[in-house]
Amino acid sequence: MKIKVKVKEKTVSEININTEFIRLDSFLKICNAVQSGGHAKIVIQNGEVKVNGEVCTLRGKKLRTDDKVEFENQIYIVK
């Protein structure tokens, strides 16, 4: 028996910021990827967020231009 699996394609969004850097938890809130800062803290600590292809558990991680954040089949690019 063969099993077919559909892989959901990842969508890419560019998010503009007006500062030199932004913290990962704040970035997720700006993207509307999470409902609140507490939700951001939980998903980051659970290892559900990747930054530039690597799992990141630091909610204070500084993101700069062209960093890529991946969460729930979405890719957000800092611009």
C-alpha atoms as a PDB file:
ATOM      1  CA  MET A   1       0.000   0.000   0.000  1.00  0.00           C
ATOM      2  CA  LYS A   2       1.292   3.443  -0.917  1.00  0.00           C
ATOM      3  CA  ILE A   3       0.623   6.497   1.186  1.00  0.00           C
ATOM      4  CA  LYS A   4       0.487   9.915  -0.410  1.00  0.00           C
ATOM      5  CA  VAL A   5       1.471  12.876   1.712  1.00  0.00           C
ATOM      6  CA  LYS A   6       0.747  16.468   0.797  1.00  0.00           C
ATOM      7  CA  VAL A   7       3.386  18.891   1.961  1.00  0.00           C
ATOM      8  CA  LYS A   8       2.087  22.366   2.540  1.00  0.00           C
ATOM      9  CA  GLU A   9       4.211  24.935   0.763  1.00  0.00           C
ATOM     10  CA  LYS A  10       5.740  27.685   2.822  1.00  0.00           C
ATOM     11  CA  THR A  11       4.637  31.238   2.117  1.00  0.00           C
ATOM     12  CA  VAL A  12       7.113  34.101   2.297  1.00  0.00           C
ATOM     13  CA  SER A  13       6.360  37.573   3.674  1.00  0.00           C
ATOM     14  CA  GLU A  14       8.663  40.567   3.899  1.00  0.00           C
ATOM     15  CA  ILE A  15       8.257  42.635   7.064  1.00  0.00           C
ATOM     16  CA  ASN A  16       9.686  46.149   7.194  1.00  0.00           C
ATOM     17  CA  ILE A  17      11.153  47.496  10.424  1.00  0.00           C
ATOM     18  CA  ASN A  18      12.292  51.049  11.139  1.00  0.00           C
ATOM     19  CA  THR A  19      15.124  50.241  13.541  1.00  0.00           C
ATOM     20  CA  GLU A  20      18.590  48.678  13.327  1.00  0.00           C
ATOM     21  CA  PHE A  21      17.328  45.454  14.922  1.00  0.00           C
ATOM     22  CA  ILE A  22      14.237  43.922  16.522  1.00  0.00           C
ATOM     23  CA  ARG A  23      13.872  41.194  19.140  1.00  0.00           C
ATOM     24  CA  LEU A  24      12.520  37.858  17.958  1.00  0.00           C
ATOM     25  CA  ASP A  25       9.486  37.893  20.267  1.00  0.00           C
ATOM     26  CA  SER A  26       8.507  41.403  19.160  1.00  0.00           C
ATOM     27  CA  PHE A  27       8.988  40.459  15.518  1.00  0.00           C
ATOM     28  CA  LEU A  28       6.582  37.534  15.823  1.00  0.00           C
ATOM     29  CA  LYS A  29       3.980  39.886  17.310  1.00  0.00           C
ATOM     30  CA  ILE A  30       4.433  42.441  14.511  1.00  0.00           C
ATOM     31  CA  CYS A  31       3.992  39.664  11.917  1.00  0.00           C
ATOM     32  CA  ASN A  32       0.769  38.543  13.626  1.00  0.00           C
ATOM     33  CA  ALA A  33       2.287  35.061  13.821  1.00  0.00           C
ATOM     34  CA  VAL A  34       1.433  34.890  17.539  1.00  0.00           C
ATOM     35  CA  GLN A  35      -1.391  36.302  19.625  1.00  0.00           C
ATOM     36  CA  SER A  36       0.669  37.880  22.416  1.00  0.00           C
ATOM     37  CA  GLY A  37       4.108  38.212  23.943  1.00  0.00           C
ATOM     38  CA  GLY A  38       3.354  35.260  26.213  1.00  0.00           C
ATOM     39  CA  HIS A  39       2.434  33.122  23.214  1.00  0.00           C
ATOM     40  CA  ALA A  40       5.688  34.193  21.505  1.00  0.00           C
ATOM     41  CA  LYS A  41       7.677  33.188  24.595  1.00  0.00           C
ATOM     42  CA  ILE A  42       6.105  29.714  24.640  1.00  0.00           C
ATOM     43  CA  VAL A  43       6.595  28.902  20.944  1.00  0.00           C
ATOM     44  CA  ILE A  44      10.192  30.159  21.029  1.00  0.00           C
ATOM     45  CA  GLN A  45      11.085  28.177  24.165  1.00  0.00           C
ATOM     46  CA  ASN A  46       9.446  25.058  22.702  1.00  0.00           C
ATOM     47  CA  GLY A  47      11.789  25.250  19.701  1.00  0.00           C
ATOM     48  CA  GLU A  48       9.035  25.913  17.166  1.00  0.00           C
ATOM     49  CA  VAL A  49      10.806  28.934  15.596  1.00  0.00           C
ATOM     50  CA  LYS A  50      13.781  28.883  13.248  1.00  0.00           C
ATOM     51  CA  VAL A  51      16.030  31.854  12.543  1.00  0.00           C
ATOM     52  CA  ASN A  52      18.125  31.589   9.384  1.00  0.00           C
ATOM     53  CA  GLY A  53      17.411  27.852   9.192  1.00  0.00           C
ATOM     54  CA  GLU A  54      18.361  26.977  12.789  1.00  0.00           C
ATOM     55  CA  VAL A  55      16.055  26.449  15.758  1.00  0.00           C
ATOM     56  CA  CYS A  56      16.278  29.461  18.079  1.00  0.00           C
ATOM     57  CA  THR A  57      15.162  29.350  21.718  1.00  0.00           C
ATOM     58  CA  LEU A  58      16.306  32.876  22.605  1.00  0.00           C
ATOM     59  CA  ARG A  59      13.311  35.203  22.626  1.00  0.00           C
ATOM     60  CA  GLY A  60      15.636  38.228  22.879  1.00  0.00           C
ATOM     61  CA  LYS A  61      17.541  37.224  19.720  1.00  0.00           C
ATOM     62  CA  LYS A  62      18.278  40.366  17.716  1.00  0.00           C
ATOM     63  CA  LEU A  63      17.072  40.214  14.130  1.00  0.00           C
ATOM     64  CA  ARG A  64      18.600  42.412  11.485  1.00  0.00           C
ATOM     65  CA  THR A  65      17.925  43.097   7.797  1.00  0.00           C
ATOM     66  CA  ASP A  66      17.615  39.948   5.643  1.00  0.00           C
ATOM     67  CA  ASP A  67      17.268  37.558   8.604  1.00  0.00           C
ATOM     68  CA  LYS A  68      14.690  34.839   7.934  1.00  0.00           C
ATOM     69  CA  VAL A  69      12.266  33.642  10.596  1.00  0.00           C
ATOM     70  CA  GLU A  70      10.297  30.444  10.029  1.00  0.00           C
ATOM     71  CA  PHE A  71       7.200  29.552  12.045  1.00  0.00           C
ATOM     72  CA  GLU A  72       4.200  27.352  11.146  1.00  0.00           C
ATOM     73  CA  ASN A  73       4.936  26.999   7.404  1.00  0.00           C
ATOM     74  CA  GLN A  74       5.510  30.738   7.067  1.00  0.00           C
ATOM     75  CA  ILE A  75       8.797  32.469   6.326  1.00  0.00           C
ATOM     76  CA  TYR A  76       9.175  36.090   7.394  1.00  0.00           C
ATOM     77  CA  ILE A  77      12.072  38.148   6.049  1.00  0.00           C
ATOM     78  CA  VAL A  78      13.241  41.227   7.944  1.00  0.00           C
ATOM     79  CA  LYS A  79      13.542  44.251   5.651  1.00  0.00           C
END
